[in-house]
PDB file of all heavy atoms in Angstrom:
ATOM      1  N   MET A   1     -25.844  83.374  40.144  1.00  0.00           N
ATOM      2  CA  MET A   1     -26.243  81.998  39.892  1.00  0.00           C
ATOM      3  C   MET A   1     -27.440  81.905  38.957  1.00  0.00           C
ATOM      4  O   MET A   1     -27.554  80.948  38.183  1.00  0.00           O
ATOM      5  CB  MET A   1     -26.546  81.284  41.209  1.00  0.00           C
ATOM      6  CG  MET A   1     -25.326  81.110  42.110  1.00  0.00           C
ATOM      7  SD  MET A   1     -23.966  80.185  41.338  1.00  0.00           S
ATOM      8  CE  MET A   1     -24.690  78.548  41.254  1.00  0.00           C
ATOM      9  N   ALA A   2     -28.343  82.883  39.016  1.00  0.00           N
ATOM     10  CA  ALA A   2     -29.457  82.891  38.070  1.00  0.00           C
ATOM     11  C   ALA A   2     -28.944  83.005  36.643  1.00  0.00           C
ATOM     12  O   ALA A   2     -29.409  82.303  35.727  1.00  0.00           O
ATOM     13  CB  ALA A   2     -30.406  84.051  38.386  1.00  0.00           C
ATOM     14  N   ALA A   3     -27.966  83.883  36.440  1.00  0.00           N
ATOM     15  CA  ALA A   3     -27.370  84.042  35.110  1.00  0.00           C
ATOM     16  C   ALA A   3     -26.596  82.787  34.714  1.00  0.00           C
ATOM     17  O   ALA A   3     -26.628  82.374  33.541  1.00  0.00           O
ATOM     18  CB  ALA A   3     -26.449  85.259  35.099  1.00  0.00           C
ATOM     19  N   ARG A   4     -25.903  82.200  35.659  1.00  0.00           N
ATOM     20  CA  ARG A   4     -25.157  80.979  35.358  1.00  0.00           C
ATOM     21  C   ARG A   4     -26.101  79.886  34.879  1.00  0.00           C
ATOM     22  O   ARG A   4     -25.800  79.150  33.938  1.00  0.00           O
ATOM     23  CB  ARG A   4     -24.381  80.496  36.587  1.00  0.00           C
ATOM     24  CG  ARG A   4     -23.412  79.356  36.279  1.00  0.00           C
ATOM     25  CD  ARG A   4     -22.959  78.614  37.517  1.00  0.00           C
ATOM     26  NE  ARG A   4     -21.996  77.568  37.189  1.00  0.00           N
ATOM     27  CZ  ARG A   4     -22.302  76.430  36.584  1.00  0.00           C
ATOM     28  NH1 ARG A   4     -23.560  76.188  36.227  1.00  0.00           N
ATOM     29  NH2 ARG A   4     -21.366  75.531  36.315  1.00  0.00           N
ATOM     30  N   GLU A   5     -27.252  79.749  35.531  1.00  0.00           N
ATOM     31  CA  GLU A   5     -28.206  78.717  35.133  1.00  0.00           C
ATOM     32  C   GLU A   5     -28.759  78.984  33.730  1.00  0.00           C
ATOM     33  O   GLU A   5     -28.880  78.051  32.922  1.00  0.00           O
ATOM     34  CB  GLU A   5     -29.364  78.638  36.130  1.00  0.00           C
ATOM     35  CG  GLU A   5     -30.331  77.511  35.778  1.00  0.00           C
ATOM     36  CD  GLU A   5     -31.610  77.533  36.584  1.00  0.00           C
ATOM     37  OE1 GLU A   5     -31.968  78.605  37.106  1.00  0.00           O
ATOM     38  OE2 GLU A   5     -32.260  76.477  36.663  1.00  0.00           O
ATOM     39  N   LEU A   6     -29.075  80.231  33.447  1.00  0.00           N
ATOM     40  CA  LEU A   6     -29.570  80.569  32.111  1.00  0.00           C
ATOM     41  C   LEU A   6     -28.560  80.184  31.035  1.00  0.00           C
ATOM     42  O   LEU A   6     -28.912  79.601  30.006  1.00  0.00           O
ATOM     43  CB  LEU A   6     -29.861  82.076  32.032  1.00  0.00           C
ATOM     44  CG  LEU A   6     -31.150  82.559  32.679  1.00  0.00           C
ATOM     45  CD1 LEU A   6     -31.189  84.079  32.690  1.00  0.00           C
ATOM     46  CD2 LEU A   6     -32.351  82.019  31.937  1.00  0.00           C
ATOM     47  N   LEU A   7     -27.304  80.524  31.276  1.00  0.00           N
ATOM     48  CA  LEU A   7     -26.265  80.212  30.300  1.00  0.00           C
ATOM     49  C   LEU A   7     -26.086  78.704  30.161  1.00  0.00           C
ATOM     50  O   LEU A   7     -26.021  78.177  29.043  1.00  0.00           O
ATOM     51  CB  LEU A   7     -24.945  80.856  30.725  1.00  0.00           C
ATOM     52  CG  LEU A   7     -23.727  80.549  29.857  1.00  0.00           C
ATOM     53  CD1 LEU A   7     -23.927  81.065  28.439  1.00  0.00           C
ATOM     54  CD2 LEU A   7     -22.461  81.153  30.465  1.00  0.00           C
ATOM     55  N   ALA A   8     -26.006  78.000  31.275  1.00  0.00           N
ATOM     56  CA  ALA A   8     -25.754  76.556  31.243  1.00  0.00           C
ATOM     57  C   ALA A   8     -26.867  75.801  30.525  1.00  0.00           C
ATOM     58  O   ALA A   8     -26.622  74.748  29.923  1.00  0.00           O
ATOM     59  CB  ALA A   8     -25.583  76.021  32.665  1.00  0.00           C
ATOM     60  N   LYS A   9     -28.102  76.321  30.551  1.00  0.00           N
ATOM     61  CA  LYS A   9     -29.241  75.640  29.932  1.00  0.00           C
ATOM     62  C   LYS A   9     -29.498  76.083  28.494  1.00  0.00           C
ATOM     63  O   LYS A   9     -30.425  75.577  27.853  1.00  0.00           O
ATOM     64  CB  LYS A   9     -30.491  75.859  30.778  1.00  0.00           C
ATOM     65  CG  LYS A   9     -30.447  75.113  32.109  1.00  0.00           C
ATOM     66  CD  LYS A   9     -31.769  75.168  32.824  1.00  0.00           C
ATOM     67  CE  LYS A   9     -31.754  74.283  34.068  1.00  0.00           C
ATOM     68  NZ  LYS A   9     -33.059  74.271  34.758  1.00  0.00           N
ATOM     69  N   HIS A  10     -28.678  77.002  27.982  1.00  0.00           N
ATOM     70  CA  HIS A  10     -28.862  77.424  26.593  1.00  0.00           C
ATOM     71  C   HIS A  10     -28.590  76.247  25.665  1.00  0.00           C
ATOM     72  O   HIS A  10     -27.713  75.417  25.917  1.00  0.00           O
ATOM     73  CB  HIS A  10     -27.914  78.582  26.269  1.00  0.00           C
ATOM     74  CG  HIS A  10     -28.252  79.278  25.003  1.00  0.00           C
ATOM     75  ND1 HIS A  10     -27.736  78.900  23.783  1.00  0.00           N
ATOM     76  CD2 HIS A  10     -29.072  80.330  24.745  1.00  0.00           C
ATOM     77  CE1 HIS A  10     -28.203  79.692  22.837  1.00  0.00           C
ATOM     78  NE2 HIS A  10     -29.013  80.569  23.399  1.00  0.00           N
ATOM     79  N   ASP A  11     -29.353  76.170  24.580  1.00  0.00           N
ATOM     80  CA  ASP A  11     -29.255  75.035  23.666  1.00  0.00           C
ATOM     81  C   ASP A  11     -27.860  74.823  23.103  1.00  0.00           C
ATOM     82  O   ASP A  11     -27.491  73.701  22.749  1.00  0.00           O
ATOM     83  CB  ASP A  11     -30.236  75.211  22.496  1.00  0.00           C
ATOM     84  CG  ASP A  11     -31.687  75.059  22.915  1.00  0.00           C
ATOM     85  OD1 ASP A  11     -31.925  74.502  24.013  1.00  0.00           O
ATOM     86  OD2 ASP A  11     -32.572  75.488  22.161  1.00  0.00           O
ATOM     87  N   SER A  12     -27.069  75.897  23.010  1.00  0.00           N
ATOM     88  CA  SER A  12     -25.750  75.790  22.388  1.00  0.00           C
ATOM     89  C   SER A  12     -24.640  75.456  23.380  1.00  0.00           C
ATOM     90  O   SER A  12     -23.493  75.279  22.977  1.00  0.00           O
ATOM     91  CB  SER A  12     -25.398  77.112  21.691  1.00  0.00           C
ATOM     92  OG  SER A  12     -25.208  78.145  22.641  1.00  0.00           O
ATOM     93  N   VAL A  13     -24.979  75.356  24.675  1.00  0.00           N
ATOM     94  CA  VAL A  13     -23.945  75.294  25.719  1.00  0.00           C
ATOM     95  C   VAL A  13     -23.817  73.909  26.331  1.00  0.00           C
ATOM     96  O   VAL A  13     -24.809  73.232  26.633  1.00  0.00           O
ATOM     97  CB  VAL A  13     -24.248  76.329  26.824  1.00  0.00           C
ATOM     98  CG1 VAL A  13     -23.289  76.188  27.997  1.00  0.00           C
ATOM     99  CG2 VAL A  13     -24.168  77.742  26.251  1.00  0.00           C
ATOM    100  N   ASP A  14     -22.577  73.506  26.545  1.00  0.00           N
ATOM    101  CA  ASP A  14     -22.256  72.350  27.372  1.00  0.00           C
ATOM    102  C   ASP A  14     -22.236  72.845  28.812  1.00  0.00           C
ATOM    103  O   ASP A  14     -21.299  73.524  29.238  1.00  0.00           O
ATOM    104  CB  ASP A  14     -20.890  71.783  26.972  1.00  0.00           C
ATOM    105  CG  ASP A  14     -20.458  70.600  27.830  1.00  0.00           C
ATOM    106  OD1 ASP A  14     -21.080  70.352  28.876  1.00  0.00           O
ATOM    107  OD2 ASP A  14     -19.473  69.937  27.460  1.00  0.00           O
ATOM    108  N   GLY A  15     -23.278  72.548  29.543  1.00  0.00           N
ATOM    109  CA  GLY A  15     -23.450  73.094  30.887  1.00  0.00           C
ATOM    110  C   GLY A  15     -22.401  72.666  31.888  1.00  0.00           C
ATOM    111  O   GLY A  15     -22.324  73.235  32.985  1.00  0.00           O
ATOM    112  N   SER A  16     -21.572  71.705  31.527  1.00  0.00           N
ATOM    113  CA  SER A  16     -20.499  71.283  32.430  1.00  0.00           C
ATOM    114  C   SER A  16     -19.234  72.107  32.227  1.00  0.00           C
ATOM    115  O   SER A  16     -18.245  71.899  32.943  1.00  0.00           O
ATOM    116  CB  SER A  16     -20.173  69.798  32.198  1.00  0.00           C
ATOM    117  OG  SER A  16     -19.574  69.588  30.923  1.00  0.00           O
ATOM    118  N   LYS A  17     -19.261  73.040  31.266  1.00  0.00           N
ATOM    119  CA  LYS A  17     -18.084  73.857  30.965  1.00  0.00           C
ATOM    120  C   LYS A  17     -18.465  75.336  30.990  1.00  0.00           C
ATOM    121  O   LYS A  17     -18.944  75.885  29.990  1.00  0.00           O
ATOM    122  CB  LYS A  17     -17.509  73.473  29.604  1.00  0.00           C
ATOM    123  CG  LYS A  17     -16.984  72.040  29.544  1.00  0.00           C
ATOM    124  CD  LYS A  17     -16.392  71.712  28.184  1.00  0.00           C
ATOM    125  CE  LYS A  17     -15.792  70.310  28.173  1.00  0.00           C
ATOM    126  NZ  LYS A  17     -15.180  69.979  26.859  1.00  0.00           N
ATOM    127  N   ILE A  18     -18.283  75.966  32.140  1.00  0.00           N
ATOM    128  CA  ILE A  18     -18.678  77.364  32.328  1.00  0.00           C
ATOM    129  C   ILE A  18     -17.532  78.149  32.960  1.00  0.00           C
ATOM    130  O   ILE A  18     -16.916  77.710  33.938  1.00  0.00           O
ATOM    131  CB  ILE A  18     -19.922  77.489  33.237  1.00  0.00           C
ATOM    132  CG1 ILE A  18     -21.092  76.672  32.680  1.00  0.00           C
ATOM    133  CG2 ILE A  18     -20.315  78.954  33.396  1.00  0.00           C
ATOM    134  CD1 ILE A  18     -21.657  77.190  31.373  1.00  0.00           C
ATOM    135  N   ALA A  19     -17.254  79.318  32.403  1.00  0.00           N
ATOM    136  CA  ALA A  19     -16.273  80.248  32.955  1.00  0.00           C
ATOM    137  C   ALA A  19     -16.950  81.587  33.210  1.00  0.00           C
ATOM    138  O   ALA A  19     -18.092  81.810  32.790  1.00  0.00           O
ATOM    139  CB  ALA A  19     -15.094  80.413  32.001  1.00  0.00           C
ATOM    140  N   ALA A  20     -16.239  82.477  33.886  1.00  0.00           N
ATOM    141  CA  ALA A  20     -16.774  83.818  34.135  1.00  0.00           C
ATOM    142  C   ALA A  20     -15.643  84.830  34.096  1.00  0.00           C
ATOM    143  O   ALA A  20     -14.559  84.585  34.622  1.00  0.00           O
ATOM    144  CB  ALA A  20     -17.479  83.880  35.491  1.00  0.00           C
ATOM    145  N   GLN A  21     -15.902  85.954  33.454  1.00  0.00           N
ATOM    146  CA  GLN A  21     -14.934  87.043  33.434  1.00  0.00           C
ATOM    147  C   GLN A  21     -15.644  88.343  33.772  1.00  0.00           C
ATOM    148  O   GLN A  21     -16.802  88.553  33.433  1.00  0.00           O
ATOM    149  CB  GLN A  21     -14.249  87.139  32.070  1.00  0.00           C
ATOM    150  CG  GLN A  21     -15.152  87.441  30.896  1.00  0.00           C
ATOM    151  CD  GLN A  21     -14.414  87.313  29.565  1.00  0.00           C
ATOM    152  OE1 GLN A  21     -13.864  86.268  29.233  1.00  0.00           O
ATOM    153  NE2 GLN A  21     -14.416  88.391  28.787  1.00  0.00           N
ATOM    154  N   GLY A  22     -14.914  89.237  34.491  1.00  0.00           N
ATOM    155  CA  GLY A  22     -15.530  90.478  34.918  1.00  0.00           C
ATOM    156  C   GLY A  22     -14.568  91.636  34.838  1.00  0.00           C
ATOM    157  O   GLY A  22     -13.341  91.467  34.902  1.00  0.00           O
ATOM    158  N   TYR A  23     -15.128  92.825  34.743  1.00  0.00           N
ATOM    159  CA  TYR A  23     -14.381  94.059  34.542  1.00  0.00           C
ATOM    160  C   TYR A  23     -14.688  95.020  35.689  1.00  0.00           C
ATOM    161  O   TYR A  23     -15.854  95.280  35.979  1.00  0.00           O
ATOM    162  CB  TYR A  23     -14.779  94.701  33.201  1.00  0.00           C
ATOM    163  CG  TYR A  23     -14.540  93.784  32.021  1.00  0.00           C
ATOM    164  CD1 TYR A  23     -15.415  92.742  31.727  1.00  0.00           C
ATOM    165  CD2 TYR A  23     -13.415  93.940  31.214  1.00  0.00           C
ATOM    166  CE1 TYR A  23     -15.188  91.880  30.659  1.00  0.00           C
ATOM    167  CE2 TYR A  23     -13.180  93.095  30.142  1.00  0.00           C
ATOM    168  CZ  TYR A  23     -14.075  92.064  29.873  1.00  0.00           C
ATOM    169  OH  TYR A  23     -13.836  91.211  28.820  1.00  0.00           O
ATOM    170  N   CYS A  24     -13.622  95.539  36.328  1.00  0.00           N
ATOM    171  CA  CYS A  24     -13.816  96.509  37.411  1.00  0.00           C
ATOM    172  C   CYS A  24     -14.684  95.877  38.505  1.00  0.00           C
ATOM    173  O   CYS A  24     -14.285  94.888  39.104  1.00  0.00           O
ATOM    174  CB  CYS A  24     -14.420  97.794  36.823  1.00  0.00           C
ATOM    175  SG  CYS A  24     -14.668  99.162  37.951  1.00  0.00           S
ATOM    176  N   PHE A  25     -15.852  96.414  38.763  1.00  0.00           N
ATOM    177  CA  PHE A  25     -16.801  95.813  39.701  1.00  0.00           C
ATOM    178  C   PHE A  25     -17.014  94.335  39.388  1.00  0.00           C
ATOM    179  O   PHE A  25     -17.023  93.483  40.285  1.00  0.00           O
ATOM    180  CB  PHE A  25     -18.122  96.577  39.627  1.00  0.00           C
ATOM    181  CG  PHE A  25     -19.331  95.821  40.093  1.00  0.00           C
ATOM    182  CD1 PHE A  25     -19.576  95.642  41.444  1.00  0.00           C
ATOM    183  CD2 PHE A  25     -20.231  95.300  39.170  1.00  0.00           C
ATOM    184  CE1 PHE A  25     -20.704  94.939  41.874  1.00  0.00           C
ATOM    185  CE2 PHE A  25     -21.355  94.600  39.585  1.00  0.00           C
ATOM    186  CZ  PHE A  25     -21.589  94.417  40.947  1.00  0.00           C
ATOM    187  N   GLY A  26     -17.180  94.020  38.103  1.00  0.00           N
ATOM    188  CA  GLY A  26     -17.409  92.636  37.703  1.00  0.00           C
ATOM    189  C   GLY A  26     -16.231  91.735  37.999  1.00  0.00           C
ATOM    190  O   GLY A  26     -16.408  90.536  38.277  1.00  0.00           O
ATOM    191  N   GLY A  27     -15.017  92.288  37.952  1.00  0.00           N
ATOM    192  CA  GLY A  27     -13.843  91.510  38.304  1.00  0.00           C
ATOM    193  C   GLY A  27     -13.872  91.077  39.756  1.00  0.00           C
ATOM    194  O   GLY A  27     -13.476  89.957  40.104  1.00  0.00           O
ATOM    195  N   ALA A  28     -14.337  91.971  40.618  1.00  0.00           N
ATOM    196  CA  ALA A  28     -14.477  91.626  42.037  1.00  0.00           C
ATOM    197  C   ALA A  28     -15.558  90.571  42.229  1.00  0.00           C
ATOM    198  O   ALA A  28     -15.409  89.651  43.044  1.00  0.00           O
ATOM    199  CB  ALA A  28     -14.802  92.877  42.850  1.00  0.00           C
ATOM    200  N   VAL A  29     -16.648  90.686  41.471  1.00  0.00           N
ATOM    201  CA  VAL A  29     -17.738  89.718  41.587  1.00  0.00           C
ATOM    202  C   VAL A  29     -17.261  88.314  41.245  1.00  0.00           C
ATOM    203  O   VAL A  29     -17.508  87.356  41.992  1.00  0.00           O
ATOM    204  CB  VAL A  29     -18.924  90.115  40.681  1.00  0.00           C
ATOM    205  CG1 VAL A  29     -19.952  88.977  40.603  1.00  0.00           C
ATOM    206  CG2 VAL A  29     -19.601  91.376  41.195  1.00  0.00           C
ATOM    207  N   VAL A  30     -16.577  88.154  40.125  1.00  0.00           N
ATOM    208  CA  VAL A  30     -16.174  86.797  39.722  1.00  0.00           C
ATOM    209  C   VAL A  30     -15.139  86.219  40.682  1.00  0.00           C
ATOM    210  O   VAL A  30     -15.144  85.010  40.953  1.00  0.00           O
ATOM    211  CB  VAL A  30     -15.689  86.759  38.258  1.00  0.00           C
ATOM    212  CG1 VAL A  30     -16.808  87.188  37.318  1.00  0.00           C
ATOM    213  CG2 VAL A  30     -14.445  87.601  38.024  1.00  0.00           C
ATOM    214  N   LEU A  31     -14.259  87.054  41.213  1.00  0.00           N
ATOM    215  CA  LEU A  31     -13.317  86.563  42.208  1.00  0.00           C
ATOM    216  C   LEU A  31     -14.032  86.095  43.475  1.00  0.00           C
ATOM    217  O   LEU A  31     -13.670  85.068  44.068  1.00  0.00           O
ATOM    218  CB  LEU A  31     -12.303  87.648  42.566  1.00  0.00           C
ATOM    219  CG  LEU A  31     -11.125  87.840  41.610  1.00  0.00           C
ATOM    220  CD1 LEU A  31     -10.258  88.999  42.077  1.00  0.00           C
ATOM    221  CD2 LEU A  31     -10.282  86.558  41.516  1.00  0.00           C
ATOM    222  N   ASN A  32     -15.061  86.821  43.881  1.00  0.00           N
ATOM    223  CA  ASN A  32     -15.809  86.404  45.059  1.00  0.00           C
ATOM    224  C   ASN A  32     -16.578  85.111  44.813  1.00  0.00           C
ATOM    225  O   ASN A  32     -16.734  84.295  45.728  1.00  0.00           O
ATOM    226  CB  ASN A  32     -16.750  87.515  45.519  1.00  0.00           C
ATOM    227  CG  ASN A  32     -16.048  88.562  46.353  1.00  0.00           C
ATOM    228  OD1 ASN A  32     -15.032  88.274  46.997  1.00  0.00           O
ATOM    229  ND2 ASN A  32     -16.568  89.777  46.350  1.00  0.00           N
ATOM    230  N   MET A  33     -17.051  84.907  43.591  1.00  0.00           N
ATOM    231  CA  MET A  33     -17.713  83.640  43.285  1.00  0.00           C
ATOM    232  C   MET A  33     -16.713  82.481  43.392  1.00  0.00           C
ATOM    233  O   MET A  33     -17.047  81.399  43.871  1.00  0.00           O
ATOM    234  CB  MET A  33     -18.343  83.693  41.899  1.00  0.00           C
ATOM    235  CG  MET A  33     -19.497  84.688  41.763  1.00  0.00           C
ATOM    236  SD  MET A  33     -20.850  84.451  42.960  1.00  0.00           S
ATOM    237  CE  MET A  33     -20.498  85.759  44.149  1.00  0.00           C
ATOM    238  N   ALA A  34     -15.480  82.715  42.955  1.00  0.00           N
ATOM    239  CA  ALA A  34     -14.441  81.692  43.114  1.00  0.00           C
ATOM    240  C   ALA A  34     -14.174  81.433  44.593  1.00  0.00           C
ATOM    241  O   ALA A  34     -14.033  80.280  45.024  1.00  0.00           O
ATOM    242  CB  ALA A  34     -13.166  82.129  42.411  1.00  0.00           C
ATOM    243  N   ARG A  35     -14.107  82.497  45.386  1.00  0.00           N
ATOM    244  CA  ARG A  35     -13.868  82.350  46.827  1.00  0.00           C
ATOM    245  C   ARG A  35     -14.976  81.526  47.487  1.00  0.00           C
ATOM    246  O   ARG A  35     -14.741  80.779  48.440  1.00  0.00           O
ATOM    247  CB  ARG A  35     -13.801  83.724  47.492  1.00  0.00           C
ATOM    248  CG  ARG A  35     -12.542  84.534  47.181  1.00  0.00           C
ATOM    249  CD  ARG A  35     -12.604  85.884  47.854  1.00  0.00           C
ATOM    250  NE  ARG A  35     -11.358  86.617  47.804  1.00  0.00           N
ATOM    251  CZ  ARG A  35     -11.147  87.689  47.042  1.00  0.00           C
ATOM    252  NH1 ARG A  35     -12.117  88.164  46.251  1.00  0.00           N
ATOM    253  NH2 ARG A  35      -9.972  88.303  47.055  1.00  0.00           N
TER     254      ARG A  35
END
């Protein structure tokens, strides 16, 4: 969530439109965030 907030507040980002993708360990992380 700390990383999500940093990304959402970046000057170039529409904070209402955020996705996440992960690889191996990261794939499990993003699925758990969805859960």
